[in-house]
Amino acid sequence: MATVEAIEARPTKEHVMATDPAKSKAVVQVVRQHPGMSLVAISPAIVVFALAWWLVNPFVAILLAIVVLGGGYYLLTRAK
């Protein structure tokens, strides 16, 4: 049986999937101040998406975009 200390030490869902508000605001400020730099940073992903759309088919490109966005969200919000 689990002890009270073990139950209290478990992270809650809000703790595991939470992003730091200060970091979120900093990212928004960087994108607003330097939109060109942000576009250059994500341009390889745009090129891969466009090539997948053109060479394979749109369904695969959309599926690839969903997987990449989901993976990025997971990496940004996971507990360390």
Foldseek 3Di string as FASTA:
>chain_A
DDDPVVVVPDDDPCQFQPADPVVVVVVVVCCVVCVPVVCVVCVVVVVVLVCCCPPPHNVVSVVVVVVVVVVVSNVRGGDD
